[in-house]
Amino acid sequence: MKITGKGKMLKIFIGENDKYRGKPLFDAIVQRLQKEGLAGATVIKGIEGYGANSRIHTSKILRLSEDLPIVIEVIDKEDRIEKIIPILDEMVKEGLVLVVHDVEIIKYT
């Protein structure tokens, strides 16, 4: 598939320990994105961060956390990004942050 022109980037911020039906949430989200036909997704594991509860999660040796931040990035056409947001709302009831940016897609094959 080749996409050129304007698109959207969806960033999904969750925790490494978040679950969906007993499996890691990031894995469940990526599988659902693939099932829904989105162009692709990348999961990025953070080394430090904090969320709504203001508790810092870090990969530092002395404060080793098992719940590091996870960001899932998806770039596709606007209609496909808009279609997936209600599905993500059903998968996660708390802690999920979605950010949508306008992007210019140069090439995807």
PDB file of N, CA and C in Angstrom:
ATOM      1  N   MET A   1       0.838  -1.178   0.000  1.00  0.00           N
ATOM      2  CA  MET A   1       0.000   0.000   0.000  1.00  0.00           C
ATOM      3  C   MET A   1       0.884   1.242   0.000  1.00  0.00           C
ATOM      4  N   LYS A   2       0.539   2.231  -0.801  1.00  0.00           N
ATOM      5  CA  LYS A   2       1.293   3.481  -0.846  1.00  0.00           C
ATOM      6  C   LYS A   2       0.369   4.614  -0.450  1.00  0.00           C
ATOM      7  N   ILE A   3       0.846   5.431   0.474  1.00  0.00           N
ATOM      8  CA  ILE A   3       0.078   6.581   0.946  1.00  0.00           C
ATOM      9  C   ILE A   3       0.944   7.812   0.768  1.00  0.00           C
ATOM     10  N   THR A   4       0.397   8.831   0.157  1.00  0.00           N
ATOM     11  CA  THR A   4       1.107  10.102   0.060  1.00  0.00           C
ATOM     12  C   THR A   4       0.132  11.219   0.370  1.00  0.00           C
ATOM     13  N   GLY A   5       0.667  12.334   0.841  1.00  0.00           N
ATOM     14  CA  GLY A   5      -0.178  13.486   1.138  1.00  0.00           C
ATOM     15  C   GLY A   5      -0.415  13.650   2.622  1.00  0.00           C
ATOM     16  N   LYS A   6      -1.521  14.285   2.938  1.00  0.00           N
ATOM     17  CA  LYS A   6      -1.841  14.588   4.326  1.00  0.00           C
ATOM     18  C   LYS A   6      -2.358  13.356   5.045  1.00  0.00           C
ATOM     19  N   GLY A   7      -2.028  13.299   6.326  1.00  0.00           N
ATOM     20  CA  GLY A   7      -2.480  12.198   7.153  1.00  0.00           C
ATOM     21  C   GLY A   7      -2.550  12.628   8.595  1.00  0.00           C
ATOM     22  N   LYS A   8      -2.733  11.664   9.457  1.00  0.00           N
ATOM     23  CA  LYS A   8      -2.798  11.908  10.902  1.00  0.00           C
ATOM     24  C   LYS A   8      -1.851  10.951  11.613  1.00  0.00           C
ATOM     25  N   MET A   9      -1.280  11.425  12.709  1.00  0.00           N
ATOM     26  CA  MET A   9      -0.503  10.576  13.602  1.00  0.00           C
ATOM     27  C   MET A   9      -1.278  10.467  14.907  1.00  0.00           C
ATOM     28  N   LEU A  10      -1.515   9.251  15.319  1.00  0.00           N
ATOM     29  CA  LEU A  10      -2.166   8.971  16.588  1.00  0.00           C
ATOM     30  C   LEU A  10      -1.102   8.461  17.548  1.00  0.00           C
ATOM     31  N   LYS A  11      -0.990   9.101  18.708  1.00  0.00           N
ATOM     32  CA  LYS A  11      -0.081   8.638  19.757  1.00  0.00           C
ATOM     33  C   LYS A  11      -0.936   8.167  20.915  1.00  0.00           C
ATOM     34  N   ILE A  12      -0.640   6.964  21.395  1.00  0.00           N
ATOM     35  CA  ILE A  12      -1.390   6.358  22.483  1.00  0.00           C
ATOM     36  C   ILE A  12      -0.430   6.174  23.643  1.00  0.00           C
ATOM     37  N   PHE A  13      -0.725   6.791  24.778  1.00  0.00           N
ATOM     38  CA  PHE A  13       0.134   6.729  25.959  1.00  0.00           C
ATOM     39  C   PHE A  13      -0.507   5.816  26.990  1.00  0.00           C
ATOM     40  N   ILE A  14       0.198   4.740  27.346  1.00  0.00           N
ATOM     41  CA  ILE A  14      -0.293   3.781  28.327  1.00  0.00           C
ATOM     42  C   ILE A  14       0.870   3.333  29.201  1.00  0.00           C
ATOM     43  N   GLY A  15       0.598   2.431  30.127  1.00  0.00           N
ATOM     44  CA  GLY A  15       1.643   1.866  30.979  1.00  0.00           C
ATOM     45  C   GLY A  15       1.992   0.451  30.540  1.00  0.00           C
ATOM     46  N   GLU A  16       3.219   0.069  30.799  1.00  0.00           N
ATOM     47  CA  GLU A  16       3.706  -1.253  30.410  1.00  0.00           C
ATOM     48  C   GLU A  16       2.887  -2.381  31.046  1.00  0.00           C
ATOM     49  N   ASN A  17       2.378  -2.181  32.252  1.00  0.00           N
ATOM     50  CA  ASN A  17       1.631  -3.219  32.955  1.00  0.00           C
ATOM     51  C   ASN A  17       0.132  -3.197  32.667  1.00  0.00           C
ATOM     52  N   ASP A  18      -0.346  -2.269  31.866  1.00  0.00           N
ATOM     53  CA  ASP A  18      -1.774  -2.212  31.544  1.00  0.00           C
ATOM     54  C   ASP A  18      -2.172  -3.467  30.779  1.00  0.00           C
ATOM     55  N   LYS A  19      -3.345  -3.988  31.103  1.00  0.00           N
ATOM     56  CA  LYS A  19      -3.813  -5.245  30.512  1.00  0.00           C
ATOM     57  C   LYS A  19      -5.151  -5.055  29.800  1.00  0.00           C
ATOM     58  N   TYR A  20      -5.397  -5.941  28.839  1.00  0.00           N
ATOM     59  CA  TYR A  20      -6.684  -6.044  28.163  1.00  0.00           C
ATOM     60  C   TYR A  20      -6.995  -7.528  28.012  1.00  0.00           C
ATOM     61  N   ARG A  21      -8.029  -7.967  28.696  1.00  0.00           N
ATOM     62  CA  ARG A  21      -8.419  -9.376  28.664  1.00  0.00           C
ATOM     63  C   ARG A  21      -7.247 -10.311  28.967  1.00  0.00           C
ATOM     64  N   GLY A  22      -6.443  -9.940  29.966  1.00  0.00           N
ATOM     65  CA  GLY A  22      -5.364 -10.788  30.436  1.00  0.00           C
ATOM     66  C   GLY A  22      -4.057 -10.709  29.673  1.00  0.00           C
ATOM     67  N   LYS A  23      -3.993  -9.908  28.605  1.00  0.00           N
ATOM     68  CA  LYS A  23      -2.751  -9.785  27.841  1.00  0.00           C
ATOM     69  C   LYS A  23      -2.275  -8.341  27.899  1.00  0.00           C
ATOM     70  N   PRO A  24      -0.992  -8.098  27.610  1.00  0.00           N
ATOM     71  CA  PRO A  24      -0.503  -6.715  27.630  1.00  0.00           C
ATOM     72  C   PRO A  24      -1.338  -5.819  26.697  1.00  0.00           C
ATOM     73  N   LEU A  25      -1.734  -4.663  27.220  1.00  0.00           N
ATOM     74  CA  LEU A  25      -2.581  -3.744  26.453  1.00  0.00           C
ATOM     75  C   LEU A  25      -1.912  -3.313  25.162  1.00  0.00           C
ATOM     76  N   PHE A  26      -0.598  -3.020  25.209  1.00  0.00           N
ATOM     77  CA  PHE A  26       0.077  -2.564  23.988  1.00  0.00           C
ATOM     78  C   PHE A  26      -0.003  -3.627  22.897  1.00  0.00           C
ATOM     79  N   ASP A  27       0.113  -4.882  23.274  1.00  0.00           N
ATOM     80  CA  ASP A  27       0.025  -5.976  22.313  1.00  0.00           C
ATOM     81  C   ASP A  27      -1.396  -6.084  21.749  1.00  0.00           C
ATOM     82  N   ALA A  28      -2.388  -5.989  22.620  1.00  0.00           N
ATOM     83  CA  ALA A  28      -3.784  -6.057  22.183  1.00  0.00           C
ATOM     84  C   ALA A  28      -4.122  -4.911  21.239  1.00  0.00           C
ATOM     85  N   ILE A  29      -3.604  -3.714  21.537  1.00  0.00           N
ATOM     86  CA  ILE A  29      -3.866  -2.557  20.675  1.00  0.00           C
ATOM     87  C   ILE A  29      -3.228  -2.749  19.309  1.00  0.00           C
ATOM     88  N   VAL A  30      -1.969  -3.169  19.268  1.00  0.00           N
ATOM     89  CA  VAL A  30      -1.293  -3.364  17.983  1.00  0.00           C
ATOM     90  C   VAL A  30      -2.025  -4.412  17.149  1.00  0.00           C
ATOM     91  N   GLN A  31      -2.431  -5.502  17.767  1.00  0.00           N
ATOM     92  CA  GLN A  31      -3.166  -6.533  17.031  1.00  0.00           C
ATOM     93  C   GLN A  31      -4.486  -5.998  16.494  1.00  0.00           C
ATOM     94  N   ARG A  32      -5.162  -5.160  17.284  1.00  0.00           N
ATOM     95  CA  ARG A  32      -6.435  -4.587  16.824  1.00  0.00           C
ATOM     96  C   ARG A  32      -6.212  -3.589  15.696  1.00  0.00           C
ATOM     97  N   LEU A  33      -5.152  -2.780  15.800  1.00  0.00           N
ATOM     98  CA  LEU A  33      -4.829  -1.838  14.727  1.00  0.00           C
ATOM     99  C   LEU A  33      -4.585  -2.599  13.424  1.00  0.00           C
ATOM    100  N   GLN A  34      -3.856  -3.704  13.508  1.00  0.00           N
ATOM    101  CA  GLN A  34      -3.588  -4.514  12.319  1.00  0.00           C
ATOM    102  C   GLN A  34      -4.889  -5.103  11.768  1.00  0.00           C
ATOM    103  N   LYS A  35      -5.722  -5.620  12.638  1.00  0.00           N
ATOM    104  CA  LYS A  35      -7.003  -6.201  12.220  1.00  0.00           C
ATOM    105  C   LYS A  35      -7.884  -5.170  11.516  1.00  0.00           C
ATOM    106  N   GLU A  36      -7.833  -3.926  11.981  1.00  0.00           N
ATOM    107  CA  GLU A  36      -8.648  -2.858  11.398  1.00  0.00           C
ATOM    108  C   GLU A  36      -8.027  -2.278  10.128  1.00  0.00           C
ATOM    109  N   GLY A  37      -6.845  -2.759   9.753  1.00  0.00           N
ATOM    110  CA  GLY A  37      -6.240  -2.370   8.485  1.00  0.00           C
ATOM    111  C   GLY A  37      -5.449  -1.080   8.489  1.00  0.00           C
ATOM    112  N   LEU A  38      -5.027  -0.594   9.664  1.00  0.00           N
ATOM    113  CA  LEU A  38      -4.214   0.608   9.677  1.00  0.00           C
ATOM    114  C   LEU A  38      -2.846   0.316   9.086  1.00  0.00           C
ATOM    115  N   ALA A  39      -2.207   1.341   8.558  1.00  0.00           N
ATOM    116  CA  ALA A  39      -0.977   1.169   7.782  1.00  0.00           C
ATOM    117  C   ALA A  39       0.167   0.574   8.587  1.00  0.00           C
ATOM    118  N   GLY A  40       0.264   0.885   9.858  1.00  0.00           N
ATOM    119  CA  GLY A  40       1.342   0.356  10.673  1.00  0.00           C
ATOM    120  C   GLY A  40       1.349   1.006  12.040  1.00  0.00           C
ATOM    121  N   ALA A  41       2.052   0.402  12.970  1.00  0.00           N
ATOM    122  CA  ALA A  41       2.150   0.928  14.326  1.00  0.00           C
ATOM    123  C   ALA A  41       3.532   0.625  14.882  1.00  0.00           C
ATOM    124  N   THR A  42       4.016   1.493  15.748  1.00  0.00           N
ATOM    125  CA  THR A  42       5.292   1.299  16.427  1.00  0.00           C
ATOM    126  C   THR A  42       5.068   1.459  17.918  1.00  0.00           C
ATOM    127  N   VAL A  43       5.587   0.524  18.706  1.00  0.00           N
ATOM    128  CA  VAL A  43       5.505   0.594  20.162  1.00  0.00           C
ATOM    129  C   VAL A  43       6.860   1.052  20.689  1.00  0.00           C
ATOM    130  N   ILE A  44       6.847   2.096  21.498  1.00  0.00           N
ATOM    131  CA  ILE A  44       8.068   2.669  22.055  1.00  0.00           C
ATOM    132  C   ILE A  44       7.988   2.573  23.575  1.00  0.00           C
ATOM    133  N   LYS A  45       9.027   1.982  24.176  1.00  0.00           N
ATOM    134  CA  LYS A  45       9.084   1.852  25.629  1.00  0.00           C
ATOM    135  C   LYS A  45       9.912   2.999  26.186  1.00  0.00           C
ATOM    136  N   GLY A  46       9.311   3.773  27.087  1.00  0.00           N
ATOM    137  CA  GLY A  46       9.998   4.906  27.685  1.00  0.00           C
ATOM    138  C   GLY A  46      10.944   4.480  28.797  1.00  0.00           C
ATOM    139  N   ILE A  47      11.889   5.342  29.119  1.00  0.00           N
ATOM    140  CA  ILE A  47      12.821   5.052  30.210  1.00  0.00           C
ATOM    141  C   ILE A  47      12.408   5.749  31.506  1.00  0.00           C
ATOM    142  N   GLU A  48      11.515   6.738  31.393  1.00  0.00           N
ATOM    143  CA  GLU A  48      11.040   7.419  32.589  1.00  0.00           C
ATOM    144  C   GLU A  48       9.813   8.235  32.231  1.00  0.00           C
ATOM    145  N   GLY A  49       8.918   8.388  33.190  1.00  0.00           N
ATOM    146  CA  GLY A  49       7.746   9.205  32.979  1.00  0.00           C
ATOM    147  C   GLY A  49       6.807   9.125  34.165  1.00  0.00           C
ATOM    148  N   TYR A  50       5.736   9.915  34.117  1.00  0.00           N
ATOM    149  CA  TYR A  50       4.695   9.829  35.127  1.00  0.00           C
ATOM    150  C   TYR A  50       3.371  10.186  34.479  1.00  0.00           C
ATOM    151  N   GLY A  51       2.313   9.748  35.112  1.00  0.00           N
ATOM    152  CA  GLY A  51       0.976   9.967  34.568  1.00  0.00           C
ATOM    153  C   GLY A  51       0.093  10.693  35.547  1.00  0.00           C
ATOM    154  N   ALA A  52      -1.204  10.394  35.492  1.00  0.00           N
ATOM    155  CA  ALA A  52      -2.207  11.111  36.264  1.00  0.00           C
ATOM    156  C   ALA A  52      -1.976  11.032  37.774  1.00  0.00           C
ATOM    157  N   ASN A  53      -1.411   9.924  38.251  1.00  0.00           N
ATOM    158  CA  ASN A  53      -1.193   9.790  39.700  1.00  0.00           C
ATOM    159  C   ASN A  53       0.117  10.441  40.167  1.00  0.00           C
ATOM    160  N   SER A  54       0.881  11.004  39.252  1.00  0.00           N
ATOM    161  CA  SER A  54       2.146  11.710  39.521  1.00  0.00           C
ATOM    162  C   SER A  54       3.233  10.825  40.120  1.00  0.00           C
ATOM    163  N   ARG A  55       3.093   9.503  40.038  1.00  0.00           N
ATOM    164  CA  ARG A  55       4.133   8.588  40.497  1.00  0.00           C
ATOM    165  C   ARG A  55       5.136   8.388  39.365  1.00  0.00           C
ATOM    166  N   ILE A  56       6.421   8.629  39.633  1.00  0.00           N
ATOM    167  CA  ILE A  56       7.441   8.502  38.592  1.00  0.00           C
ATOM    168  C   ILE A  56       7.785   7.032  38.385  1.00  0.00           C
ATOM    169  N   HIS A  57       7.788   6.625  37.126  1.00  0.00           N
ATOM    170  CA  HIS A  57       8.207   5.287  36.714  1.00  0.00           C
ATOM    171  C   HIS A  57       9.537   5.474  35.979  1.00  0.00           C
ATOM    172  N   THR A  58      10.539   4.700  36.366  1.00  0.00           N
ATOM    173  CA  THR A  58      11.858   4.902  35.788  1.00  0.00           C
ATOM    174  C   THR A  58      12.581   3.580  35.580  1.00  0.00           C
ATOM    175  N   SER A  59      13.547   3.594  34.676  1.00  0.00           N
ATOM    176  CA  SER A  59      14.372   2.412  34.434  1.00  0.00           C
ATOM    177  C   SER A  59      15.713   2.507  35.160  1.00  0.00           C
ATOM    178  N   LYS A  60      15.884   3.543  35.985  1.00  0.00           N
ATOM    179  CA  LYS A  60      17.141   3.685  36.730  1.00  0.00           C
ATOM    180  C   LYS A  60      17.341   2.476  37.633  1.00  0.00           C
ATOM    181  N   ILE A  61      18.571   2.045  37.758  1.00  0.00           N
ATOM    182  CA  ILE A  61      18.909   0.836  38.519  1.00  0.00           C
ATOM    183  C   ILE A  61      18.365   0.877  39.947  1.00  0.00           C
ATOM    184  N   LEU A  62      18.545   1.987  40.652  1.00  0.00           N
ATOM    185  CA  LEU A  62      18.137   2.055  42.051  1.00  0.00           C
ATOM    186  C   LEU A  62      16.618   2.174  42.220  1.00  0.00           C
ATOM    187  N   ARG A  63      15.914   2.520  41.173  1.00  0.00           N
ATOM    188  CA  ARG A  63      14.470   2.669  41.255  1.00  0.00           C
ATOM    189  C   ARG A  63      13.816   1.917  40.111  1.00  0.00           C
ATOM    190  N   LEU A  64      14.212   0.685  39.920  1.00  0.00           N
ATOM    191  CA  LEU A  64      13.734  -0.101  38.798  1.00  0.00           C
ATOM    192  C   LEU A  64      12.211  -0.254  38.840  1.00  0.00           C
ATOM    193  N   SER A  65      11.563   0.154  37.789  1.00  0.00           N
ATOM    194  CA  SER A  65      10.109   0.070  37.686  1.00  0.00           C
ATOM    195  C   SER A  65       9.738  -1.038  36.719  1.00  0.00           C
ATOM    196  N   GLU A  66       8.661  -1.717  37.024  1.00  0.00           N
ATOM    197  CA  GLU A  66       8.135  -2.716  36.107  1.00  0.00           C
ATOM    198  C   GLU A  66       6.945  -2.176  35.331  1.00  0.00           C
ATOM    199  N   ASP A  67       6.692  -0.894  35.452  1.00  0.00           N
ATOM    200  CA  ASP A  67       5.550  -0.295  34.766  1.00  0.00           C
ATOM    201  C   ASP A  67       6.001   0.966  34.039  1.00  0.00           C
ATOM    202  N   LEU A  68       6.906   0.791  33.077  1.00  0.00           N
ATOM    203  CA  LEU A  68       7.438   1.933  32.338  1.00  0.00           C
ATOM    204  C   LEU A  68       6.412   2.458  31.338  1.00  0.00           C
ATOM    205  N   PRO A  69       6.573   3.710  30.926  1.00  0.00           N
ATOM    206  CA  PRO A  69       5.649   4.288  29.946  1.00  0.00           C
ATOM    207  C   PRO A  69       5.781   3.601  28.586  1.00  0.00           C
ATOM    208  N   ILE A  70       4.663   3.469  27.909  1.00  0.00           N
ATOM    209  CA  ILE A  70       4.611   2.918  26.557  1.00  0.00           C
ATOM    210  C   ILE A  70       3.888   3.934  25.671  1.00  0.00           C
ATOM    211  N   VAL A  71       4.442   4.192  24.486  1.00  0.00           N
ATOM    212  CA  VAL A  71       3.792   5.034  23.483  1.00  0.00           C
ATOM    213  C   VAL A  71       3.633   4.201  22.223  1.00  0.00           C
ATOM    214  N   ILE A  72       2.420   4.178  21.701  1.00  0.00           N
ATOM    215  CA  ILE A  72       2.156   3.514  20.428  1.00  0.00           C
ATOM    216  C   ILE A  72       1.883   4.615  19.421  1.00  0.00           C
ATOM    217  N   GLU A  73       2.634   4.631  18.326  1.00  0.00           N
ATOM    218  CA  GLU A  73       2.444   5.634  17.278  1.00  0.00           C
ATOM    219  C   GLU A  73       1.877   4.966  16.030  1.00  0.00           C
ATOM    220  N   VAL A  74       0.870   5.617  15.468  1.00  0.00           N
ATOM    221  CA  VAL A  74       0.211   5.116  14.263  1.00  0.00           C
ATOM    222  C   VAL A  74       0.070   6.289  13.297  1.00  0.00           C
ATOM    223  N   ILE A  75       0.440   6.092  12.036  1.00  0.00           N
ATOM    224  CA  ILE A  75       0.255   7.124  11.009  1.00  0.00           C
ATOM    225  C   ILE A  75      -0.554   6.522   9.879  1.00  0.00           C
ATOM    226  N   ASP A  76      -1.618   7.226   9.500  1.00  0.00           N
ATOM    227  CA  ASP A  76      -2.477   6.745   8.421  1.00  0.00           C
ATOM    228  C   ASP A  76      -3.349   7.904   7.959  1.00  0.00           C
ATOM    229  N   LYS A  77      -4.262   7.598   7.064  1.00  0.00           N
ATOM    230  CA  LYS A  77      -5.214   8.594   6.595  1.00  0.00           C
ATOM    231  C   LYS A  77      -6.164   8.978   7.725  1.00  0.00           C
ATOM    232  N   GLU A  78      -6.673  10.208   7.652  1.00  0.00           N
ATOM    233  CA  GLU A  78      -7.507  10.750   8.719  1.00  0.00           C
ATOM    234  C   GLU A  78      -8.720   9.867   9.025  1.00  0.00           C
ATOM    235  N   ASP A  79      -9.406   9.373   8.012  1.00  0.00           N
ATOM    236  CA  ASP A  79     -10.611   8.578   8.254  1.00  0.00           C
ATOM    237  C   ASP A  79     -10.297   7.278   8.988  1.00  0.00           C
ATOM    238  N   ARG A  80      -9.149   6.681   8.709  1.00  0.00           N
ATOM    239  CA  ARG A  80      -8.775   5.439   9.396  1.00  0.00           C
ATOM    240  C   ARG A  80      -8.414   5.695  10.857  1.00  0.00           C
ATOM    241  N   ILE A  81      -7.737   6.809  11.107  1.00  0.00           N
ATOM    242  CA  ILE A  81      -7.400   7.177  12.487  1.00  0.00           C
ATOM    243  C   ILE A  81      -8.680   7.464  13.270  1.00  0.00           C
ATOM    244  N   GLU A  82      -9.585   8.216  12.685  1.00  0.00           N
ATOM    245  CA  GLU A  82     -10.845   8.535  13.362  1.00  0.00           C
ATOM    246  C   GLU A  82     -11.662   7.285  13.653  1.00  0.00           C
ATOM    247  N   LYS A  83     -11.608   6.304  12.776  1.00  0.00           N
ATOM    248  CA  LYS A  83     -12.365   5.066  12.943  1.00  0.00           C
ATOM    249  C   LYS A  83     -11.870   4.242  14.134  1.00  0.00           C
ATOM    250  N   ILE A  84     -10.578   4.286  14.424  1.00  0.00           N
ATOM    251  CA  ILE A  84     -10.012   3.445  15.477  1.00  0.00           C
ATOM    252  C   ILE A  84     -10.219   4.030  16.879  1.00  0.00           C
ATOM    253  N   ILE A  85     -10.417   5.323  17.006  1.00  0.00           N
ATOM    254  CA  ILE A  85     -10.520   5.947  18.327  1.00  0.00           C
ATOM    255  C   ILE A  85     -11.670   5.379  19.163  1.00  0.00           C
ATOM    256  N   PRO A  86     -12.872   5.216  18.622  1.00  0.00           N
ATOM    257  CA  PRO A  86     -13.938   4.607  19.445  1.00  0.00           C
ATOM    258  C   PRO A  86     -13.631   3.167  19.858  1.00  0.00           C
ATOM    259  N   ILE A  87     -12.907   2.445  19.035  1.00  0.00           N
ATOM    260  CA  ILE A  87     -12.519   1.073  19.375  1.00  0.00           C
ATOM    261  C   ILE A  87     -11.545   1.093  20.550  1.00  0.00           C
ATOM    262  N   LEU A  88     -10.589   2.024  20.535  1.00  0.00           N
ATOM    263  CA  LEU A  88      -9.654   2.151  21.654  1.00  0.00           C
ATOM    264  C   LEU A  88     -10.385   2.552  22.929  1.00  0.00           C
ATOM    265  N   ASP A  89     -11.394   3.415  22.816  1.00  0.00           N
ATOM    266  CA  ASP A  89     -12.191   3.810  23.973  1.00  0.00           C
ATOM    267  C   ASP A  89     -12.863   2.602  24.618  1.00  0.00           C
ATOM    268  N   GLU A  90     -13.279   1.637  23.818  1.00  0.00           N
ATOM    269  CA  GLU A  90     -13.902   0.425  24.354  1.00  0.00           C
ATOM    270  C   GLU A  90     -12.880  -0.486  25.025  1.00  0.00           C
ATOM    271  N   MET A  91     -11.648  -0.476  24.546  1.00  0.00           N
ATOM    272  CA  MET A  91     -10.615  -1.371  25.076  1.00  0.00           C
ATOM    273  C   MET A  91     -10.063  -0.890  26.413  1.00  0.00           C
ATOM    274  N   VAL A  92     -10.072   0.409  26.650  1.00  0.00           N
ATOM    275  CA  VAL A  92      -9.432   0.967  27.836  1.00  0.00           C
ATOM    276  C   VAL A  92     -10.393   1.917  28.534  1.00  0.00           C
ATOM    277  N   LYS A  93     -10.549   1.722  29.823  1.00  0.00           N
ATOM    278  CA  LYS A  93     -11.480   2.561  30.586  1.00  0.00           C
ATOM    279  C   LYS A  93     -10.790   3.671  31.365  1.00  0.00           C
ATOM    280  N   GLU A  94      -9.490   3.518  31.683  1.00  0.00           N
ATOM    281  CA  GLU A  94      -8.781   4.574  32.399  1.00  0.00           C
ATOM    282  C   GLU A  94      -7.298   4.554  32.053  1.00  0.00           C
ATOM    283  N   GLY A  95      -6.664   5.724  32.166  1.00  0.00           N
ATOM    284  CA  GLY A  95      -5.234   5.813  31.965  1.00  0.00           C
ATOM    285  C   GLY A  95      -4.781   6.011  30.531  1.00  0.00           C
ATOM    286  N   LEU A  96      -5.673   5.898  29.580  1.00  0.00           N
ATOM    287  CA  LEU A  96      -5.305   6.031  28.176  1.00  0.00           C
ATOM    288  C   LEU A  96      -5.318   7.497  27.776  1.00  0.00           C
ATOM    289  N   VAL A  97      -4.260   7.936  27.122  1.00  0.00           N
ATOM    290  CA  VAL A  97      -4.202   9.288  26.586  1.00  0.00           C
ATOM    291  C   VAL A  97      -3.979   9.168  25.087  1.00  0.00           C
ATOM    292  N   LEU A  98      -4.827   9.828  24.320  1.00  0.00           N
ATOM    293  CA  LEU A  98      -4.698   9.845  22.863  1.00  0.00           C
ATOM    294  C   LEU A  98      -4.341  11.250  22.414  1.00  0.00           C
ATOM    295  N   VAL A  99      -3.384  11.351  21.509  1.00  0.00           N
ATOM    296  CA  VAL A  99      -3.012  12.626  20.917  1.00  0.00           C
ATOM    297  C   VAL A  99      -3.022  12.431  19.410  1.00  0.00           C
ATOM    298  N   VAL A 100      -3.667  13.344  18.692  1.00  0.00           N
ATOM    299  CA  VAL A 100      -3.740  13.257  17.237  1.00  0.00           C
ATOM    300  C   VAL A 100      -3.083  14.496  16.639  1.00  0.00           C
ATOM    301  N   HIS A 101      -2.138  14.281  15.709  1.00  0.00           N
ATOM    302  CA  HIS A 101      -1.423  15.365  15.037  1.00  0.00           C
ATOM    303  C   HIS A 101      -1.672  15.282  13.529  1.00  0.00           C
ATOM    304  N   ASP A 102      -1.697  16.442  12.873  1.00  0.00           N
ATOM    305  CA  ASP A 102      -1.656  16.474  11.415  1.00  0.00           C
ATOM    306  C   ASP A 102      -0.223  16.169  10.986  1.00  0.00           C
ATOM    307  N   VAL A 103      -0.074  15.341   9.948  1.00  0.00           N
ATOM    308  CA  VAL A 103       1.255  15.043   9.425  1.00  0.00           C
ATOM    309  C   VAL A 103       1.208  15.078   7.902  1.00  0.00           C
ATOM    310  N   GLU A 104       2.358  15.250   7.321  1.00  0.00           N
ATOM    311  CA  GLU A 104       2.522  15.148   5.874  1.00  0.00           C
ATOM    312  C   GLU A 104       3.260  13.845   5.597  1.00  0.00           C
ATOM    313  N   ILE A 105       2.591  12.927   4.923  1.00  0.00           N
ATOM    314  CA  ILE A 105       3.190  11.638   4.622  1.00  0.00           C
ATOM    315  C   ILE A 105       3.913  11.765   3.288  1.00  0.00           C
ATOM    316  N   ILE A 106       5.189  11.467   3.280  1.00  0.00           N
ATOM    317  CA  ILE A 106       5.978  11.576   2.070  1.00  0.00           C
ATOM    318  C   ILE A 106       5.932  10.290   1.266  1.00  0.00           C
ATOM    319  N   LYS A 107       6.105   9.143   1.943  1.00  0.00           N
ATOM    320  CA  LYS A 107       6.065   7.878   1.217  1.00  0.00           C
ATOM    321  C   LYS A 107       5.872   6.733   2.178  1.00  0.00           C
ATOM    322  N   TYR A 108       5.090   5.773   1.784  1.00  0.00           N
ATOM    323  CA  TYR A 108       4.923   4.550   2.553  1.00  0.00           C
ATOM    324  C   TYR A 108       4.689   3.410   1.574  1.00  0.00           C
ATOM    325  N   THR A 109       5.516   2.378   1.628  1.00  0.00           N
ATOM    326  CA  THR A 109       5.308   1.231   0.739  1.00  0.00           C
ATOM    327  C   THR A 109       5.408  -0.051   1.511  1.00  0.00           C
TER     328      THR A 109
END
